[in-house]
Amino acid sequence: MGEKLTHFDDRGRAIMVDVGAKEATLRRAVARGEVRMEPATLTRIMDQSMEKGDVFNVARVAG
């Protein structure tokens, strides 16, 4: 493989690549996750009684 990879620098670290000139492409991604917790924890999340505040809004802000 003699081609230089554009997303890595000479030391093998990932770098940003300008893709502004590329044509837009329609893509679709599907993600799935699972969260396990004690029933009491879910109750506290739904009641917004966690010490750290509203879990869902914190997650939204975090992205």
C-alpha atoms as a PDB file:
ATOM      1  CA  MET A   1       0.000   0.000   0.000  1.00  0.00           C
ATOM      2  CA  GLY A   2       2.047   2.914  -1.266  1.00  0.00           C
ATOM      3  CA  GLU A   3      -0.695   5.569  -1.078  1.00  0.00           C
ATOM      4  CA  LYS A   4      -0.632   8.155   1.715  1.00  0.00           C
ATOM      5  CA  LEU A   5      -3.723   8.102   3.918  1.00  0.00           C
ATOM      6  CA  THR A   6      -5.258  11.587   3.952  1.00  0.00           C
ATOM      7  CA  HIS A   7      -6.838  11.360   7.414  1.00  0.00           C
ATOM      8  CA  PHE A   8      -3.545  10.716   9.246  1.00  0.00           C
ATOM      9  CA  ASP A   9      -0.411  12.811   9.674  1.00  0.00           C
ATOM     10  CA  ASP A  10       3.159  11.516   9.304  1.00  0.00           C
ATOM     11  CA  ARG A  11       3.094  10.240  12.898  1.00  0.00           C
ATOM     12  CA  GLY A  12      -0.132   8.290  12.394  1.00  0.00           C
ATOM     13  CA  ARG A  13      -2.356  10.717  14.324  1.00  0.00           C
ATOM     14  CA  ALA A  14      -5.859  11.416  13.016  1.00  0.00           C
ATOM     15  CA  ILE A  15      -6.307  14.868  11.454  1.00  0.00           C
ATOM     16  CA  MET A  16      -9.201  16.855  10.028  1.00  0.00           C
ATOM     17  CA  VAL A  17      -9.563  16.796   6.248  1.00  0.00           C
ATOM     18  CA  ASP A  18     -11.283  19.548   4.242  1.00  0.00           C
ATOM     19  CA  VAL A  19     -14.251  17.928   2.493  1.00  0.00           C
ATOM     20  CA  GLY A  20     -15.926  21.214   1.545  1.00  0.00           C
ATOM     21  CA  ALA A  21     -15.452  20.604  -2.172  1.00  0.00           C
ATOM     22  CA  LYS A  22     -17.030  17.142  -2.117  1.00  0.00           C
ATOM     23  CA  GLU A  23     -20.486  16.682  -3.592  1.00  0.00           C
ATOM     24  CA  ALA A  24     -23.258  16.059  -1.058  1.00  0.00           C
ATOM     25  CA  THR A  25     -24.240  12.406  -0.669  1.00  0.00           C
ATOM     26  CA  LEU A  26     -27.458  11.071   0.831  1.00  0.00           C
ATOM     27  CA  ARG A  27     -26.617   8.672   3.654  1.00  0.00           C
ATOM     28  CA  ARG A  28     -28.568   6.937   6.351  1.00  0.00           C
ATOM     29  CA  ALA A  29     -27.319   5.616   9.657  1.00  0.00           C
ATOM     30  CA  VAL A  30     -29.132   3.483  12.186  1.00  0.00           C
ATOM     31  CA  ALA A  31     -27.984   3.327  15.788  1.00  0.00           C
ATOM     32  CA  ARG A  32     -29.130   1.189  18.653  1.00  0.00           C
ATOM     33  CA  GLY A  33     -28.267   1.276  22.320  1.00  0.00           C
ATOM     34  CA  GLU A  34     -29.204  -0.318  25.591  1.00  0.00           C
ATOM     35  CA  VAL A  35     -29.127   1.198  29.064  1.00  0.00           C
ATOM     36  CA  ARG A  36     -29.415  -1.011  32.117  1.00  0.00           C
ATOM     37  CA  MET A  37     -30.194   0.304  35.577  1.00  0.00           C
ATOM     38  CA  GLU A  38     -32.004  -0.515  38.759  1.00  0.00           C
ATOM     39  CA  PRO A  39     -35.754   0.198  38.648  1.00  0.00           C
ATOM     40  CA  ALA A  40     -35.294   2.694  41.496  1.00  0.00           C
ATOM     41  CA  THR A  41     -32.795   4.640  39.380  1.00  0.00           C
ATOM     42  CA  LEU A  42     -35.272   4.897  36.504  1.00  0.00           C
ATOM     43  CA  THR A  43     -37.932   6.128  38.922  1.00  0.00           C
ATOM     44  CA  ARG A  44     -35.600   8.862  40.203  1.00  0.00           C
ATOM     45  CA  ILE A  45     -34.708   9.892  36.639  1.00  0.00           C
ATOM     46  CA  MET A  46     -38.368  10.127  35.638  1.00  0.00           C
ATOM     47  CA  ASP A  47     -39.219  12.024  38.852  1.00  0.00           C
ATOM     48  CA  GLN A  48     -36.250  14.365  38.241  1.00  0.00           C
ATOM     49  CA  SER A  49     -34.984  13.661  41.746  1.00  0.00           C
ATOM     50  CA  MET A  50     -31.358  12.830  40.876  1.00  0.00           C
ATOM     51  CA  GLU A  51     -28.725  14.817  42.806  1.00  0.00           C
ATOM     52  CA  LYS A  52     -27.158  16.042  39.538  1.00  0.00           C
ATOM     53  CA  GLY A  53     -30.449  17.374  38.160  1.00  0.00           C
ATOM     54  CA  ASP A  54     -32.515  16.609  35.072  1.00  0.00           C
ATOM     55  CA  VAL A  55     -30.724  13.686  33.406  1.00  0.00           C
ATOM     56  CA  PHE A  56     -32.411  14.096  30.005  1.00  0.00           C
ATOM     57  CA  ASN A  57     -31.598  17.808  29.673  1.00  0.00           C
ATOM     58  CA  VAL A  58     -27.995  17.192  30.730  1.00  0.00           C
ATOM     59  CA  ALA A  59     -27.761  14.488  28.034  1.00  0.00           C
ATOM     60  CA  ARG A  60     -29.224  16.853  25.410  1.00  0.00           C
ATOM     61  CA  VAL A  61     -26.695  19.553  26.249  1.00  0.00           C
ATOM     62  CA  ALA A  62     -23.863  16.999  26.142  1.00  0.00           C
ATOM     63  CA  GLY A  63     -24.905  15.972  22.653  1.00  0.00           C
END
